[in-house]
Amino acid sequence: MAKSFLNLINIIGIFSLVYLIPIVISFMINGAILNGNTYQLEKSYIVNLKDLFIHFRQNLRIYINIFSNPIFWFFVSAYITQKTIKWATSGR
């Protein structure tokens, strides 16, 4: 019972360190940032198909580069966090 409780504390601690604390710090420094604001300011100029093709032509290199893609880095960090949690809870 005590070991499973300690494992739970380890899991919560690692998850908080990797995901929750950076979000809280970012909120404290920058305030609330809404994704809708980014869309309204940067991508709302796409009105028709011609504008869409112009947008993709100008930004295709940015979209294809996986190292600048935040979703890619989320999955990398999730994999590393999962392996760290397994290592921390295995008792080795």
N, C-alpha and C. Protein backbone atom coordinates (compact mmCIF):
# COMPACT_ATOMS: atom_id res chain seq x y z
N MET A 1 0.83 -1.19 0.00
CA MET A 1 0.00 0.00 0.00
C MET A 1 0.87 1.26 0.00
N ALA A 2 1.89 1.28 0.85
CA ALA A 2 2.75 2.46 0.94
C ALA A 2 3.54 2.67 -0.34
N LYS A 3 3.96 1.55 -0.98
CA LYS A 3 4.72 1.67 -2.22
C LYS A 3 3.85 2.23 -3.35
N SER A 4 2.60 1.79 -3.44
CA SER A 4 1.73 2.30 -4.50
C SER A 4 1.41 3.78 -4.27
N PHE A 5 1.28 4.19 -3.00
CA PHE A 5 1.05 5.61 -2.72
C PHE A 5 2.26 6.43 -3.09
N LEU A 6 3.46 5.92 -2.80
CA LEU A 6 4.70 6.60 -3.17
C LEU A 6 4.83 6.69 -4.70
N ASN A 7 4.45 5.63 -5.40
CA ASN A 7 4.46 5.66 -6.87
C ASN A 7 3.51 6.71 -7.40
N LEU A 8 2.33 6.82 -6.80
CA LEU A 8 1.37 7.82 -7.22
C LEU A 8 1.92 9.24 -7.01
N ILE A 9 2.57 9.46 -5.89
CA ILE A 9 3.19 10.76 -5.61
C ILE A 9 4.28 11.05 -6.64
N ASN A 10 5.08 10.04 -7.00
CA ASN A 10 6.12 10.21 -8.03
C ASN A 10 5.51 10.57 -9.37
N ILE A 11 4.44 9.88 -9.75
CA ILE A 11 3.79 10.15 -11.04
C ILE A 11 3.25 11.57 -11.07
N ILE A 12 2.56 11.97 -10.03
CA ILE A 12 2.00 13.32 -9.97
C ILE A 12 3.11 14.37 -9.99
N GLY A 13 4.18 14.11 -9.28
CA GLY A 13 5.31 15.05 -9.25
C GLY A 13 5.97 15.22 -10.60
N ILE A 14 6.24 14.11 -11.28
CA ILE A 14 6.88 14.18 -12.59
C ILE A 14 5.96 14.86 -13.60
N PHE A 15 4.68 14.49 -13.59
CA PHE A 15 3.72 15.11 -14.51
C PHE A 15 3.62 16.61 -14.26
N SER A 16 3.57 17.00 -13.00
CA SER A 16 3.49 18.42 -12.66
C SER A 16 4.73 19.16 -13.10
N LEU A 17 5.89 18.57 -12.88
CA LEU A 17 7.15 19.20 -13.25
C LEU A 17 7.25 19.41 -14.76
N VAL A 18 6.79 18.45 -15.54
CA VAL A 18 6.95 18.53 -16.98
C VAL A 18 5.84 19.35 -17.64
N TYR A 19 4.59 19.24 -17.15
CA TYR A 19 3.47 19.86 -17.87
C TYR A 19 2.79 20.99 -17.11
N LEU A 20 2.50 20.83 -15.85
CA LEU A 20 1.69 21.83 -15.15
C LEU A 20 2.47 23.07 -14.74
N ILE A 21 3.64 22.90 -14.18
CA ILE A 21 4.42 24.04 -13.70
C ILE A 21 4.79 25.00 -14.84
N PRO A 22 5.24 24.51 -16.02
CA PRO A 22 5.51 25.45 -17.11
C PRO A 22 4.27 26.24 -17.56
N ILE A 23 3.10 25.60 -17.54
CA ILE A 23 1.88 26.32 -17.92
C ILE A 23 1.57 27.42 -16.90
N VAL A 24 1.72 27.11 -15.63
CA VAL A 24 1.45 28.10 -14.58
C VAL A 24 2.44 29.26 -14.69
N ILE A 25 3.71 28.95 -14.89
CA ILE A 25 4.73 30.01 -15.01
C ILE A 25 4.45 30.88 -16.24
N SER A 26 4.11 30.24 -17.36
CA SER A 26 3.78 31.00 -18.57
C SER A 26 2.58 31.91 -18.34
N PHE A 27 1.58 31.42 -17.64
CA PHE A 27 0.41 32.24 -17.35
C PHE A 27 0.78 33.41 -16.46
N MET A 28 1.64 33.18 -15.46
CA MET A 28 2.03 34.25 -14.55
C MET A 28 2.85 35.32 -15.27
N ILE A 29 3.67 34.92 -16.26
CA ILE A 29 4.50 35.88 -16.97
C ILE A 29 3.73 36.59 -18.08
N ASN A 30 3.00 35.83 -18.91
CA ASN A 30 2.38 36.39 -20.10
C ASN A 30 0.90 36.71 -19.95
N GLY A 31 0.25 36.13 -18.97
CA GLY A 31 -1.20 36.29 -18.85
C GLY A 31 -1.91 35.30 -19.75
N ALA A 32 -3.19 35.47 -19.89
CA ALA A 32 -3.99 34.55 -20.71
C ALA A 32 -3.78 34.86 -22.19
N ILE A 33 -3.44 33.84 -22.95
CA ILE A 33 -3.27 33.96 -24.40
C ILE A 33 -4.28 33.02 -25.04
N LEU A 34 -5.18 33.58 -25.83
CA LEU A 34 -6.23 32.78 -26.45
C LEU A 34 -5.85 32.46 -27.89
N ASN A 35 -6.07 31.23 -28.30
CA ASN A 35 -5.75 30.83 -29.68
C ASN A 35 -6.59 31.58 -30.69
N GLY A 36 -7.79 31.94 -30.32
CA GLY A 36 -8.65 32.70 -31.22
C GLY A 36 -8.04 34.04 -31.60
N ASN A 37 -7.30 34.63 -30.68
CA ASN A 37 -6.63 35.91 -30.98
C ASN A 37 -5.59 35.73 -32.08
N THR A 38 -4.82 34.65 -32.00
CA THR A 38 -3.81 34.38 -33.02
C THR A 38 -4.47 34.19 -34.37
N TYR A 39 -5.56 33.44 -34.41
CA TYR A 39 -6.27 33.23 -35.67
C TYR A 39 -6.78 34.56 -36.23
N GLN A 40 -7.39 35.34 -35.38
CA GLN A 40 -7.98 36.61 -35.83
C GLN A 40 -6.91 37.56 -36.37
N LEU A 41 -5.74 37.57 -35.74
CA LEU A 41 -4.70 38.52 -36.14
C LEU A 41 -3.85 38.03 -37.31
N GLU A 42 -3.66 36.70 -37.43
CA GLU A 42 -2.70 36.20 -38.42
C GLU A 42 -3.30 35.43 -39.58
N LYS A 43 -4.44 34.78 -39.39
CA LYS A 43 -4.94 33.89 -40.44
C LYS A 43 -6.33 34.24 -40.94
N SER A 44 -6.94 35.27 -40.43
CA SER A 44 -8.30 35.58 -40.84
C SER A 44 -8.37 36.25 -42.21
N TYR A 45 -7.21 36.51 -42.81
CA TYR A 45 -7.20 37.11 -44.14
C TYR A 45 -7.56 36.10 -45.22
N ILE A 46 -7.65 34.80 -44.88
CA ILE A 46 -8.01 33.77 -45.86
C ILE A 46 -9.51 33.81 -46.05
N VAL A 47 -9.93 34.31 -47.20
CA VAL A 47 -11.35 34.49 -47.47
C VAL A 47 -11.83 33.52 -48.54
N ASN A 48 -10.97 33.23 -49.52
CA ASN A 48 -11.38 32.35 -50.61
C ASN A 48 -10.26 31.37 -50.92
N LEU A 49 -10.47 30.54 -51.94
CA LEU A 49 -9.51 29.50 -52.28
C LEU A 49 -8.18 30.08 -52.74
N LYS A 50 -8.21 31.18 -53.45
CA LYS A 50 -6.97 31.82 -53.91
C LYS A 50 -6.12 32.26 -52.71
N ASP A 51 -6.74 32.86 -51.71
CA ASP A 51 -6.01 33.27 -50.50
C ASP A 51 -5.44 32.06 -49.76
N LEU A 52 -6.17 30.94 -49.78
CA LEU A 52 -5.68 29.72 -49.13
C LEU A 52 -4.42 29.21 -49.82
N PHE A 53 -4.43 29.18 -51.16
CA PHE A 53 -3.25 28.73 -51.89
C PHE A 53 -2.06 29.66 -51.66
N ILE A 54 -2.29 30.94 -51.62
CA ILE A 54 -1.22 31.91 -51.35
C ILE A 54 -0.65 31.67 -49.94
N HIS A 55 -1.52 31.44 -48.99
CA HIS A 55 -1.08 31.18 -47.61
C HIS A 55 -0.21 29.93 -47.54
N PHE A 56 -0.65 28.83 -48.16
CA PHE A 56 0.14 27.59 -48.13
C PHE A 56 1.45 27.75 -48.88
N ARG A 57 1.46 28.46 -49.97
CA ARG A 57 2.70 28.67 -50.72
C ARG A 57 3.72 29.43 -49.87
N GLN A 58 3.26 30.40 -49.09
CA GLN A 58 4.17 31.20 -48.28
C GLN A 58 4.62 30.49 -47.00
N ASN A 59 3.80 29.57 -46.49
CA ASN A 59 4.08 28.98 -45.19
C ASN A 59 4.35 27.48 -45.22
N LEU A 60 4.45 26.87 -46.39
CA LEU A 60 4.59 25.42 -46.46
C LEU A 60 5.86 24.92 -45.78
N ARG A 61 6.97 25.63 -45.96
CA ARG A 61 8.22 25.20 -45.31
C ARG A 61 8.10 25.21 -43.79
N ILE A 62 7.38 26.16 -43.26
CA ILE A 62 7.19 26.23 -41.80
C ILE A 62 6.34 25.06 -41.33
N TYR A 63 5.31 24.71 -42.08
CA TYR A 63 4.41 23.64 -41.66
C TYR A 63 5.05 22.27 -41.78
N ILE A 64 5.91 22.06 -42.76
CA ILE A 64 6.54 20.75 -42.96
C ILE A 64 7.67 20.51 -41.98
N ASN A 65 8.32 21.54 -41.51
CA ASN A 65 9.43 21.38 -40.57
C ASN A 65 8.90 20.85 -39.23
N ILE A 66 9.12 19.56 -38.95
CA ILE A 66 8.56 18.96 -37.74
C ILE A 66 9.23 19.48 -36.48
N PHE A 67 10.45 19.98 -36.59
CA PHE A 67 11.15 20.44 -35.39
C PHE A 67 10.63 21.78 -34.88
N SER A 68 9.88 22.49 -35.70
CA SER A 68 9.26 23.73 -35.23
C SER A 68 7.78 23.51 -34.90
N ASN A 69 7.33 22.28 -35.00
CA ASN A 69 5.93 21.94 -34.76
C ASN A 69 5.74 21.62 -33.27
N PRO A 70 4.91 22.37 -32.55
CA PRO A 70 4.72 22.12 -31.12
C PRO A 70 4.07 20.78 -30.82
N ILE A 71 3.28 20.24 -31.74
CA ILE A 71 2.67 18.93 -31.50
C ILE A 71 3.74 17.85 -31.49
N PHE A 72 4.71 17.95 -32.37
CA PHE A 72 5.83 17.00 -32.39
C PHE A 72 6.56 17.01 -31.05
N TRP A 73 6.86 18.20 -30.53
CA TRP A 73 7.59 18.30 -29.27
C TRP A 73 6.75 17.82 -28.10
N PHE A 74 5.42 17.98 -28.19
CA PHE A 74 4.56 17.44 -27.14
C PHE A 74 4.68 15.91 -27.09
N PHE A 75 4.64 15.25 -28.25
CA PHE A 75 4.74 13.80 -28.24
C PHE A 75 6.11 13.32 -27.80
N VAL A 76 7.15 14.05 -28.16
CA VAL A 76 8.50 13.69 -27.67
C VAL A 76 8.55 13.81 -26.15
N SER A 77 8.03 14.90 -25.61
CA SER A 77 8.05 15.07 -24.16
C SER A 77 7.14 14.06 -23.48
N ALA A 78 6.02 13.70 -24.09
CA ALA A 78 5.14 12.69 -23.51
C ALA A 78 5.83 11.33 -23.46
N TYR A 79 6.57 10.98 -24.49
CA TYR A 79 7.29 9.71 -24.51
C TYR A 79 8.38 9.69 -23.42
N ILE A 80 9.13 10.77 -23.33
CA ILE A 80 10.19 10.84 -22.31
C ILE A 80 9.59 10.83 -20.91
N THR A 81 8.48 11.53 -20.71
CA THR A 81 7.82 11.54 -19.40
C THR A 81 7.30 10.15 -19.05
N GLN A 82 6.71 9.46 -20.02
CA GLN A 82 6.22 8.11 -19.77
C GLN A 82 7.35 7.17 -19.37
N LYS A 83 8.47 7.24 -20.06
CA LYS A 83 9.62 6.38 -19.71
C LYS A 83 10.17 6.76 -18.33
N THR A 84 10.19 8.05 -18.01
CA THR A 84 10.67 8.49 -16.70
C THR A 84 9.76 8.01 -15.59
N ILE A 85 8.46 8.06 -15.81
CA ILE A 85 7.50 7.59 -14.81
C ILE A 85 7.65 6.08 -14.61
N LYS A 86 7.80 5.32 -15.70
CA LYS A 86 8.01 3.88 -15.56
C LYS A 86 9.29 3.58 -14.79
N TRP A 87 10.35 4.33 -15.08
CA TRP A 87 11.62 4.13 -14.38
C TRP A 87 11.48 4.48 -12.89
N ALA A 88 10.79 5.59 -12.60
CA ALA A 88 10.65 6.03 -11.21
C ALA A 88 9.77 5.11 -10.40
N THR A 89 8.79 4.48 -11.03
CA THR A 89 7.87 3.62 -10.28
C THR A 89 8.31 2.16 -10.27
N SER A 90 9.34 1.81 -11.03
CA SER A 90 9.77 0.42 -11.07
C SER A 90 10.60 0.06 -9.84
N GLY A 91 11.14 1.02 -9.14
CA GLY A 91 11.91 0.75 -7.94
C GLY A 91 13.35 0.37 -8.20
N ARG A 92 13.82 0.57 -9.40
CA ARG A 92 15.21 0.23 -9.72
C ARG A 92 16.10 1.43 -9.60
